[in-house]
Amino acid sequence: MTPDGKIEIMIASSVYGYEDQLNQICGLFEQLGYQPVNSHYKTMRTDPSKSNLDNCLEAVRASDALFGIIRPEYGTGIIGDRSITHEEMKLAITLKKPRWFIAHRDIRVARVLLKQYMLKLNGEPRASFTYKATKLMDDIRSIDLYNDTIQNNIPADERVGHWADEFFQISDILKVIHTQFNDQNRIQEIITNMNAL
């Protein structure tokens, strides 16, 4: 929480090409009385002695909750095998931090269409599968990110915190934010309960 008692919500998303949307999203969180934490929105504290990745992961740790936007554009901040956005969302899951995810419709569609090529009949990845960027989705790791957030590797009856709303346009994202975050008392209760676990 901020010194004045505002709940801090980390907004994890690829940035380039979506700056206007991020401004609307962070602005809506502010209107609802939250403190959005986002590098593009200039509300993320940084330590010049740390890398971009470490600064972003520290922001996840310091925030009260995370709102993750999974887009067909995986992101440009790729370090090692994953983007910074992917690492942020994985950390929130690992920390069992209160988190809400929203995924673009094209990722779900691509996941269904490509599954038969990506996986063997026993569910193991095919070593021969390769993917070239398309206008629909620039990187197959967007599907990996989606699978991580819905906890695809865990039996369905054991998953917790794996809800991912679907969106197609910015109005869908804003509606989800209104639905989920309009009641700050509810959000504070979720944060308190999850921190007690």
C-alpha atoms as a PDB file:
ATOM      1  CA  MET A   1       0.000   0.000   0.000  1.00  0.00           C
ATOM      2  CA  THR A   2       1.036   3.563  -0.573  1.00  0.00           C
ATOM      3  CA  PRO A   3       1.650   5.798   2.454  1.00  0.00           C
ATOM      4  CA  ASP A   4      -1.841   7.286   1.948  1.00  0.00           C
ATOM      5  CA  GLY A   5      -3.441   3.805   2.028  1.00  0.00           C
ATOM      6  CA  LYS A   6      -4.023   3.183  -1.687  1.00  0.00           C
ATOM      7  CA  ILE A   7      -3.850  -0.405  -2.894  1.00  0.00           C
ATOM      8  CA  GLU A   8      -0.994  -0.831  -5.376  1.00  0.00           C
ATOM      9  CA  ILE A   9      -1.886  -2.847  -8.486  1.00  0.00           C
ATOM     10  CA  MET A  10       0.968  -3.916 -10.774  1.00  0.00           C
ATOM     11  CA  ILE A  11      -0.138  -3.726 -14.421  1.00  0.00           C
ATOM     12  CA  ALA A  12       1.867  -6.360 -16.335  1.00  0.00           C
ATOM     13  CA  SER A  13       1.640  -6.076 -20.112  1.00  0.00           C
ATOM     14  CA  SER A  14       3.679  -5.782 -23.268  1.00  0.00           C
ATOM     15  CA  VAL A  15       4.025  -2.068 -23.954  1.00  0.00           C
ATOM     16  CA  TYR A  16       4.986  -1.158 -27.522  1.00  0.00           C
ATOM     17  CA  GLY A  17       1.946  -0.539 -29.669  1.00  0.00           C
ATOM     18  CA  TYR A  18      -0.324  -0.437 -26.617  1.00  0.00           C
ATOM     19  CA  GLU A  19       0.754   2.781 -24.947  1.00  0.00           C
ATOM     20  CA  ASP A  20      -2.661   4.436 -25.364  1.00  0.00           C
ATOM     21  CA  GLN A  21      -4.415   1.387 -23.931  1.00  0.00           C
ATOM     22  CA  LEU A  22      -2.066   1.294 -20.947  1.00  0.00           C
ATOM     23  CA  ASN A  23      -2.776   4.969 -20.297  1.00  0.00           C
ATOM     24  CA  GLN A  24      -6.521   4.221 -20.262  1.00  0.00           C
ATOM     25  CA  ILE A  25      -6.092   1.135 -18.070  1.00  0.00           C
ATOM     26  CA  CYS A  26      -3.852   2.843 -15.519  1.00  0.00           C
ATOM     27  CA  GLY A  27      -6.059   5.941 -15.585  1.00  0.00           C
ATOM     28  CA  LEU A  28      -9.121   3.817 -14.803  1.00  0.00           C
ATOM     29  CA  PHE A  29      -7.351   2.193 -11.855  1.00  0.00           C
ATOM     30  CA  GLU A  30      -6.547   5.710 -10.580  1.00  0.00           C
ATOM     31  CA  GLN A  31     -10.186   6.772 -11.011  1.00  0.00           C
ATOM     32  CA  LEU A  32     -11.231   3.758  -8.950  1.00  0.00           C
ATOM     33  CA  GLY A  33      -8.877   4.881  -6.155  1.00  0.00           C
ATOM     34  CA  TYR A  34      -5.962   2.475  -6.707  1.00  0.00           C
ATOM     35  CA  GLN A  35      -2.306   3.203  -7.322  1.00  0.00           C
ATOM     36  CA  PRO A  36      -1.396   1.566 -10.668  1.00  0.00           C
ATOM     37  CA  VAL A  37       2.218   0.429 -10.920  1.00  0.00           C
ATOM     38  CA  ASN A  38       3.449   0.395 -14.508  1.00  0.00           C
ATOM     39  CA  SER A  39       6.726   1.367 -16.156  1.00  0.00           C
ATOM     40  CA  HIS A  40       5.066   2.991 -19.179  1.00  0.00           C
ATOM     41  CA  TYR A  41       2.728   4.989 -16.919  1.00  0.00           C
ATOM     42  CA  LYS A  42       5.779   6.250 -14.975  1.00  0.00           C
ATOM     43  CA  THR A  43       4.497   4.917 -11.653  1.00  0.00           C
ATOM     44  CA  MET A  44       7.051   2.176 -11.075  1.00  0.00           C
ATOM     45  CA  ARG A  45       9.879   2.921  -8.665  1.00  0.00           C
ATOM     46  CA  THR A  46      13.280   1.850  -9.983  1.00  0.00           C
ATOM     47  CA  ASP A  47      16.708   1.274  -8.480  1.00  0.00           C
ATOM     48  CA  PRO A  48      19.497   2.324 -10.872  1.00  0.00           C
ATOM     49  CA  SER A  49      21.776  -0.367  -9.419  1.00  0.00           C
ATOM     50  CA  LYS A  50      19.412  -3.101 -10.737  1.00  0.00           C
ATOM     51  CA  SER A  51      18.559  -4.440 -14.190  1.00  0.00           C
ATOM     52  CA  ASN A  52      15.229  -3.729 -15.871  1.00  0.00           C
ATOM     53  CA  LEU A  53      14.136  -7.287 -15.102  1.00  0.00           C
ATOM     54  CA  ASP A  54      15.092  -7.002 -11.425  1.00  0.00           C
ATOM     55  CA  ASN A  55      13.311  -3.638 -11.107  1.00  0.00           C
ATOM     56  CA  CYS A  56      10.146  -5.107 -12.631  1.00  0.00           C
ATOM     57  CA  LEU A  57      10.241  -8.187 -10.407  1.00  0.00           C
ATOM     58  CA  GLU A  58      10.783  -5.994  -7.347  1.00  0.00           C
ATOM     59  CA  ALA A  59       7.685  -4.003  -8.379  1.00  0.00           C
ATOM     60  CA  VAL A  60       5.687  -7.252  -8.450  1.00  0.00           C
ATOM     61  CA  ARG A  61       6.938  -8.168  -4.956  1.00  0.00           C
ATOM     62  CA  ALA A  62       6.162  -4.696  -3.582  1.00  0.00           C
ATOM     63  CA  SER A  63       2.677  -4.403  -5.101  1.00  0.00           C
ATOM     64  CA  ASP A  64      -0.446  -5.605  -3.336  1.00  0.00           C
ATOM     65  CA  ALA A  65      -1.857  -7.346  -6.428  1.00  0.00           C
ATOM     66  CA  LEU A  66      -1.251  -7.872 -10.138  1.00  0.00           C
ATOM     67  CA  PHE A  67      -3.402  -7.317 -13.221  1.00  0.00           C
ATOM     68  CA  GLY A  68      -1.842  -9.191 -16.163  1.00  0.00           C
ATOM     69  CA  ILE A  69      -2.705  -8.564 -19.800  1.00  0.00           C
ATOM     70  CA  ILE A  70      -1.711 -11.376 -22.172  1.00  0.00           C
ATOM     71  CA  ARG A  71      -1.432 -10.129 -25.738  1.00  0.00           C
ATOM     72  CA  PRO A  72      -0.584 -11.732 -29.099  1.00  0.00           C
ATOM     73  CA  GLU A  73       2.553  -9.566 -29.031  1.00  0.00           C
ATOM     74  CA  TYR A  74       4.801 -11.321 -26.534  1.00  0.00           C
ATOM     75  CA  GLY A  75       6.889  -8.270 -25.680  1.00  0.00           C
ATOM     76  CA  THR A  76      10.309  -6.903 -26.527  1.00  0.00           C
ATOM     77  CA  GLY A  77      11.971  -7.239 -23.131  1.00  0.00           C
ATOM     78  CA  ILE A  78      13.092 -10.834 -23.664  1.00  0.00           C
ATOM     79  CA  ILE A  79      15.829 -11.974 -21.314  1.00  0.00           C
ATOM     80  CA  GLY A  80      16.821 -15.612 -21.660  1.00  0.00           C
ATOM     81  CA  ASP A  81      13.776 -17.658 -22.635  1.00  0.00           C
ATOM     82  CA  ARG A  82      10.997 -15.347 -21.419  1.00  0.00           C
ATOM     83  CA  SER A  83       9.857 -11.753 -21.650  1.00  0.00           C
ATOM     84  CA  ILE A  84       9.881  -9.471 -18.620  1.00  0.00           C
ATOM     85  CA  THR A  85       6.057  -9.509 -18.683  1.00  0.00           C
ATOM     86  CA  HIS A  86       6.078 -13.322 -18.591  1.00  0.00           C
ATOM     87  CA  GLU A  87       8.515 -13.272 -15.642  1.00  0.00           C
ATOM     88  CA  GLU A  88       6.306 -10.755 -13.798  1.00  0.00           C
ATOM     89  CA  MET A  89       3.239 -12.959 -14.139  1.00  0.00           C
ATOM     90  CA  LYS A  90       5.142 -16.143 -13.213  1.00  0.00           C
ATOM     91  CA  LEU A  91       6.479 -14.432 -10.074  1.00  0.00           C
ATOM     92  CA  ALA A  92       2.981 -13.299  -9.034  1.00  0.00           C
ATOM     93  CA  ILE A  93       1.796 -16.902  -9.378  1.00  0.00           C
ATOM     94  CA  THR A  94       4.799 -18.265  -7.453  1.00  0.00           C
ATOM     95  CA  LEU A  95       4.268 -15.721  -4.654  1.00  0.00           C
ATOM     96  CA  LYS A  96       0.534 -16.582  -4.586  1.00  0.00           C
ATOM     97  CA  LYS A  97      -0.101 -12.858  -4.951  1.00  0.00           C
ATOM     98  CA  PRO A  98      -3.688 -11.753  -5.647  1.00  0.00           C
ATOM     99  CA  ARG A  99      -3.807 -11.673  -9.435  1.00  0.00           C
ATOM    100  CA  TRP A 100      -6.231 -11.183 -12.267  1.00  0.00           C
ATOM    101  CA  PHE A 101      -5.450 -12.100 -15.878  1.00  0.00           C
ATOM    102  CA  ILE A 102      -7.038 -11.157 -19.164  1.00  0.00           C
ATOM    103  CA  ALA A 103      -5.991 -12.771 -22.453  1.00  0.00           C
ATOM    104  CA  HIS A 104      -6.601 -11.719 -26.030  1.00  0.00           C
ATOM    105  CA  ARG A 105      -9.037 -13.893 -27.930  1.00  0.00           C
ATOM    106  CA  ASP A 106      -6.472 -14.630 -30.660  1.00  0.00           C
ATOM    107  CA  ILE A 107      -4.237 -16.439 -28.162  1.00  0.00           C
ATOM    108  CA  ARG A 108      -7.008 -18.836 -27.186  1.00  0.00           C
ATOM    109  CA  VAL A 109      -7.890 -19.445 -30.840  1.00  0.00           C
ATOM    110  CA  ALA A 110      -4.233 -19.989 -31.844  1.00  0.00           C
ATOM    111  CA  ARG A 111      -3.756 -22.324 -28.870  1.00  0.00           C
ATOM    112  CA  VAL A 112      -6.654 -24.518 -29.996  1.00  0.00           C
ATOM    113  CA  LEU A 113      -5.591 -24.524 -33.660  1.00  0.00           C
ATOM    114  CA  LEU A 114      -1.881 -25.169 -33.027  1.00  0.00           C
ATOM    115  CA  LYS A 115      -2.226 -27.752 -30.250  1.00  0.00           C
ATOM    116  CA  GLN A 116      -2.330 -30.665 -32.709  1.00  0.00           C
ATOM    117  CA  TYR A 117       1.003 -29.517 -34.163  1.00  0.00           C
ATOM    118  CA  MET A 118       2.681 -28.484 -30.909  1.00  0.00           C
ATOM    119  CA  LEU A 119       1.991 -31.657 -28.929  1.00  0.00           C
ATOM    120  CA  LYS A 120       2.307 -35.397 -29.467  1.00  0.00           C
ATOM    121  CA  LEU A 121      -0.702 -37.598 -28.692  1.00  0.00           C
ATOM    122  CA  ASN A 122       0.685 -38.210 -25.176  1.00  0.00           C
ATOM    123  CA  GLY A 123       0.777 -34.431 -24.510  1.00  0.00           C
ATOM    124  CA  GLU A 124       4.551 -34.019 -24.733  1.00  0.00           C
ATOM    125  CA  PRO A 125       5.932 -31.162 -26.872  1.00  0.00           C
ATOM    126  CA  ARG A 126       7.013 -32.041 -30.404  1.00  0.00           C
ATOM    127  CA  ALA A 127      10.701 -31.269 -30.912  1.00  0.00           C
ATOM    128  CA  SER A 128      10.040 -30.620 -34.598  1.00  0.00           C
ATOM    129  CA  PHE A 129       7.445 -27.874 -34.032  1.00  0.00           C
ATOM    130  CA  THR A 130       8.555 -24.406 -35.096  1.00  0.00           C
ATOM    131  CA  TYR A 131       6.579 -21.205 -35.355  1.00  0.00           C
ATOM    132  CA  LYS A 132       7.195 -18.134 -37.500  1.00  0.00           C
ATOM    133  CA  ALA A 133       5.755 -14.771 -36.505  1.00  0.00           C
ATOM    134  CA  THR A 134       2.434 -13.880 -38.138  1.00  0.00           C
ATOM    135  CA  LYS A 135       0.090 -10.897 -38.005  1.00  0.00           C
ATOM    136  CA  LEU A 136      -2.096 -12.925 -35.626  1.00  0.00           C
ATOM    137  CA  MET A 137       0.634 -13.672 -33.069  1.00  0.00           C
ATOM    138  CA  ASP A 138       4.308 -12.715 -33.107  1.00  0.00           C
ATOM    139  CA  ASP A 139       5.705 -15.378 -30.755  1.00  0.00           C
ATOM    140  CA  ILE A 140       4.538 -18.844 -29.710  1.00  0.00           C
ATOM    141  CA  ARG A 141       5.561 -17.969 -26.145  1.00  0.00           C
ATOM    142  CA  SER A 142       2.334 -15.960 -25.846  1.00  0.00           C
ATOM    143  CA  ILE A 143       0.623 -19.352 -25.681  1.00  0.00           C
ATOM    144  CA  ASP A 144       3.179 -20.507 -23.091  1.00  0.00           C
ATOM    145  CA  LEU A 145       2.365 -17.413 -21.016  1.00  0.00           C
ATOM    146  CA  TYR A 146      -1.356 -18.149 -21.276  1.00  0.00           C
ATOM    147  CA  ASN A 147      -0.763 -21.785 -20.283  1.00  0.00           C
ATOM    148  CA  ASP A 148       1.276 -20.639 -17.268  1.00  0.00           C
ATOM    149  CA  THR A 149      -1.427 -18.241 -16.070  1.00  0.00           C
ATOM    150  CA  ILE A 150      -4.229 -20.798 -16.372  1.00  0.00           C
ATOM    151  CA  GLN A 151      -1.953 -23.368 -14.693  1.00  0.00           C
ATOM    152  CA  ASN A 152      -2.330 -25.764 -17.608  1.00  0.00           C
ATOM    153  CA  ASN A 153       0.290 -28.123 -16.119  1.00  0.00           C
ATOM    154  CA  ILE A 154      -1.812 -28.752 -12.979  1.00  0.00           C
ATOM    155  CA  PRO A 155      -4.874 -31.045 -12.902  1.00  0.00           C
ATOM    156  CA  ALA A 156      -8.001 -28.917 -13.354  1.00  0.00           C
ATOM    157  CA  ASP A 157      -9.449 -29.812  -9.945  1.00  0.00           C
ATOM    158  CA  GLU A 158      -6.271 -28.603  -8.187  1.00  0.00           C
ATOM    159  CA  ARG A 159      -5.971 -25.184  -9.875  1.00  0.00           C
ATOM    160  CA  VAL A 160      -6.493 -22.009  -7.848  1.00  0.00           C
ATOM    161  CA  GLY A 161      -6.138 -18.445  -9.130  1.00  0.00           C
ATOM    162  CA  HIS A 162      -6.158 -19.517 -12.768  1.00  0.00           C
ATOM    163  CA  TRP A 163      -9.085 -17.489 -14.102  1.00  0.00           C
ATOM    164  CA  ALA A 164      -8.272 -15.579 -17.301  1.00  0.00           C
ATOM    165  CA  ASP A 165     -10.929 -13.367 -18.847  1.00  0.00           C
ATOM    166  CA  GLU A 166     -10.937 -13.015 -22.623  1.00  0.00           C
ATOM    167  CA  PHE A 167     -10.797  -9.697 -24.464  1.00  0.00           C
ATOM    168  CA  PHE A 168     -10.831  -8.507 -28.039  1.00  0.00           C
ATOM    169  CA  GLN A 169     -10.824  -4.732 -27.639  1.00  0.00           C
ATOM    170  CA  ILE A 170      -9.934  -2.169 -24.995  1.00  0.00           C
ATOM    171  CA  SER A 171     -13.570  -1.819 -23.895  1.00  0.00           C
ATOM    172  CA  ASP A 172     -13.481  -5.484 -22.804  1.00  0.00           C
ATOM    173  CA  ILE A 173     -10.454  -4.817 -20.587  1.00  0.00           C
ATOM    174  CA  LEU A 174     -12.038  -1.731 -19.042  1.00  0.00           C
ATOM    175  CA  LYS A 175     -15.246  -3.656 -18.314  1.00  0.00           C
ATOM    176  CA  VAL A 176     -13.283  -6.409 -16.544  1.00  0.00           C
ATOM    177  CA  ILE A 177     -11.473  -3.796 -14.441  1.00  0.00           C
ATOM    178  CA  HIS A 178     -14.806  -2.207 -13.455  1.00  0.00           C
ATOM    179  CA  THR A 179     -16.301  -5.604 -12.614  1.00  0.00           C
ATOM    180  CA  GLN A 180     -13.364  -6.879 -10.587  1.00  0.00           C
ATOM    181  CA  PHE A 181     -12.036  -3.716  -8.927  1.00  0.00           C
ATOM    182  CA  ASN A 182     -15.038  -1.438  -8.370  1.00  0.00           C
ATOM    183  CA  ASP A 183     -15.365  -2.573  -4.740  1.00  0.00           C
ATOM    184  CA  GLN A 184     -12.119  -1.745  -2.926  1.00  0.00           C
ATOM    185  CA  ASN A 185     -13.301  -3.408   0.282  1.00  0.00           C
ATOM    186  CA  ARG A 186     -13.676  -6.687  -1.603  1.00  0.00           C
ATOM    187  CA  ILE A 187     -10.173  -6.349  -3.089  1.00  0.00           C
ATOM    188  CA  GLN A 188      -8.668  -5.514   0.307  1.00  0.00           C
ATOM    189  CA  GLU A 189     -10.370  -8.559   1.814  1.00  0.00           C
ATOM    190  CA  ILE A 190      -8.936 -10.779  -0.957  1.00  0.00           C
ATOM    191  CA  ILE A 191      -5.451  -9.326  -0.368  1.00  0.00           C
ATOM    192  CA  THR A 192      -5.725  -9.821   3.390  1.00  0.00           C
ATOM    193  CA  ASN A 193      -6.989 -13.389   3.042  1.00  0.00           C
ATOM    194  CA  MET A 194      -4.349 -14.389   0.499  1.00  0.00           C
ATOM    195  CA  ASN A 195      -1.545 -12.833   2.543  1.00  0.00           C
ATOM    196  CA  ALA A 196      -2.708 -14.884   5.540  1.00  0.00           C
ATOM    197  CA  LEU A 197      -2.224 -18.185   3.668  1.00  0.00           C
END
